[in-house]
Amino acid sequence: MDRNTINIEKDISIDEFQAQVDDVLIRHRSILDIITKLDEYTARINRAVIKSATYCGCIEIHATKQDYNRDSLEEIKNNMDDHIKGKLCPSCKEILHEEMGAYIFYLSALANTLDIKVSDAILNEYKNIKTLGIFSLK
């Protein structure tokens, strides 16, 4: 498989997706529009997660202080809590797929505007986390 390919229902490359975004984006080509769209979809993703807990109830959020008092980074990693109890129902998961897809669309649009290949950004980040591993501290 090509390094820029992910397996969805069929193989699609990140570069092909980015090119398709460039082909179909008409109304929001200004970098100002794109940046505000990214903010909008960040808020929509956050809202969808919160509504999954407060409206649907398929997940619960139980936030507590994280325990960093461990001897090694591996122990810290293994003892970190995501604060989520339960699983997203199909309806909430579908909404989040849509919102995340739109976010990725506008992220690709931003990359196009700035002449950056999303696949290169992903590959660079992959190399960093592969090289640094747990020491990337993300």
Protein backbone atom coordinates (compact mmCIF):
# COMPACT_ATOMS: atom_id res chain seq x y z
CA MET A 1 0.00 0.00 0.00
CA ASP A 2 1.24 3.50 -0.87
CA ARG A 3 2.47 5.57 2.09
CA ASN A 4 -0.27 8.15 1.38
CA THR A 5 -3.12 5.64 1.30
CA ILE A 6 -5.64 4.76 3.95
CA ASN A 7 -8.10 1.92 3.59
CA ILE A 8 -11.70 3.10 3.83
CA GLU A 9 -14.36 1.34 1.73
CA LYS A 10 -11.84 1.46 -1.07
CA ASP A 11 -8.32 2.75 -1.13
CA ILE A 12 -8.20 6.53 -1.25
CA SER A 13 -5.05 8.55 -0.94
CA ILE A 14 -4.78 11.58 1.27
CA ASP A 15 -3.40 13.45 -1.74
CA GLU A 16 -6.48 12.51 -3.80
CA PHE A 17 -8.74 13.72 -1.01
CA GLN A 18 -6.85 16.99 -0.80
CA ALA A 19 -7.09 17.46 -4.58
CA GLN A 20 -10.83 16.74 -4.47
CA VAL A 21 -11.26 19.37 -1.75
CA ASP A 22 -9.48 21.86 -3.99
CA ASP A 23 -11.80 20.96 -6.88
CA VAL A 24 -15.06 21.35 -4.96
CA LEU A 25 -14.33 24.26 -2.62
CA ILE A 26 -15.94 27.37 -4.07
CA ARG A 27 -17.56 29.62 -1.45
CA HIS A 28 -14.95 29.52 1.30
CA ARG A 29 -11.64 29.83 -0.55
CA SER A 30 -10.40 32.81 1.45
CA ILE A 31 -7.98 31.86 4.22
CA LEU A 32 -10.15 33.94 6.57
CA ASP A 33 -13.20 31.82 5.70
CA ILE A 34 -11.22 28.60 6.03
CA ILE A 35 -9.85 29.50 9.47
CA THR A 36 -13.29 30.46 10.76
CA LYS A 37 -14.72 27.22 9.33
CA LEU A 38 -12.04 25.26 11.21
CA ASP A 39 -13.08 27.05 14.41
CA GLU A 40 -16.74 26.37 13.66
CA TYR A 41 -16.18 22.65 13.17
CA THR A 42 -13.98 22.41 16.26
CA ALA A 43 -16.90 23.84 18.22
CA ARG A 44 -19.33 21.47 16.48
CA ILE A 45 -17.17 18.46 17.35
CA ASN A 46 -16.98 19.60 20.98
CA ARG A 47 -20.74 20.17 21.06
CA ALA A 48 -21.44 16.72 19.58
CA VAL A 49 -19.28 15.07 22.25
CA ILE A 50 -20.97 17.03 25.04
CA LYS A 51 -24.45 16.28 23.66
CA SER A 52 -23.54 12.59 23.59
CA ALA A 53 -23.18 12.87 27.36
CA THR A 54 -25.86 15.42 28.26
CA TYR A 55 -28.63 14.79 25.73
CA CYS A 56 -28.23 11.20 24.56
CA GLY A 57 -26.46 9.77 27.58
CA CYS A 58 -24.59 7.08 25.67
CA ILE A 59 -21.38 8.28 27.31
CA GLU A 60 -20.65 9.82 30.68
CA ILE A 61 -17.78 12.13 31.49
CA HIS A 62 -16.24 11.70 34.94
CA ALA A 63 -13.31 14.11 35.09
CA THR A 64 -10.89 13.79 37.98
CA LYS A 65 -7.32 14.85 38.59
CA GLN A 66 -4.82 12.78 36.62
CA ASP A 67 -2.19 10.88 38.61
CA TYR A 68 1.28 11.84 37.38
CA ASN A 69 3.07 10.44 40.44
CA ARG A 70 4.59 7.40 38.80
CA ASP A 71 8.15 6.19 38.37
CA SER A 72 8.18 6.02 34.58
CA LEU A 73 6.49 7.59 31.58
CA GLU A 74 5.17 4.15 30.66
CA GLU A 75 3.45 3.88 34.05
CA ILE A 76 2.01 7.37 33.66
CA LYS A 77 0.70 6.50 30.20
CA ASN A 78 -0.86 3.26 31.41
CA ASN A 79 -2.58 4.99 34.34
CA MET A 80 -4.02 8.01 32.51
CA ASP A 81 -7.81 8.09 32.35
CA ASP A 82 -9.82 9.37 29.38
CA HIS A 83 -12.67 10.21 31.80
CA ILE A 84 -15.25 8.62 29.47
CA LYS A 85 -17.56 5.85 30.62
CA GLY A 86 -19.65 4.04 28.02
CA LYS A 87 -19.49 3.98 24.23
CA LEU A 88 -20.94 6.27 21.58
CA CYS A 89 -24.24 5.04 20.20
CA PRO A 90 -24.52 4.71 16.40
CA SER A 91 -26.40 8.01 16.11
CA CYS A 92 -23.85 10.04 18.07
CA LYS A 93 -20.98 8.30 16.28
CA GLU A 94 -22.52 9.22 12.91
CA ILE A 95 -22.82 12.87 13.94
CA LEU A 96 -19.19 12.93 15.06
CA HIS A 97 -18.09 11.28 11.80
CA GLU A 98 -19.84 14.07 9.88
CA GLU A 99 -18.36 16.86 11.99
CA MET A 100 -14.85 15.38 11.92
CA GLY A 101 -15.12 14.83 8.17
CA ALA A 102 -16.05 18.49 7.66
CA TYR A 103 -13.12 19.51 9.87
CA ILE A 104 -10.74 17.39 7.79
CA PHE A 105 -12.23 18.96 4.65
CA TYR A 106 -11.40 22.48 5.86
CA LEU A 107 -8.00 21.41 7.20
CA SER A 108 -7.25 20.15 3.68
CA ALA A 109 -8.53 23.44 2.27
CA LEU A 110 -6.16 25.34 4.56
CA ALA A 111 -3.30 23.12 3.45
CA ASN A 112 -4.18 23.79 -0.19
CA THR A 113 -4.26 27.54 0.41
CA LEU A 114 -0.82 27.43 2.03
CA ASP A 115 0.61 24.95 -0.51
CA ILE A 116 1.15 22.22 2.08
CA LYS A 117 0.53 18.54 1.41
CA VAL A 118 -1.52 17.01 4.20
CA SER A 119 0.16 13.67 3.56
CA ASP A 120 3.56 15.29 4.17
CA ALA A 121 2.34 16.81 7.44
CA ILE A 122 0.98 13.42 8.55
CA LEU A 123 4.18 11.66 7.50
CA ASN A 124 6.34 14.20 9.38
CA GLU A 125 4.23 13.82 12.51
CA TYR A 126 4.34 10.03 12.17
CA LYS A 127 8.13 10.11 11.90
CA ASN A 128 8.35 12.33 14.99
CA ILE A 129 6.15 10.13 17.13
CA LYS A 130 7.79 6.97 15.78
CA THR A 131 11.26 8.35 16.60
CA LEU A 132 10.41 9.90 19.97
CA GLY A 133 7.79 7.36 20.98
CA ILE A 134 6.48 8.01 24.46
CA PHE A 135 8.99 10.85 24.84
CA SER A 136 7.06 13.01 22.37
CA LEU A 137 4.90 13.81 25.45
CA LYS A 138 1.72 14.53 23.54
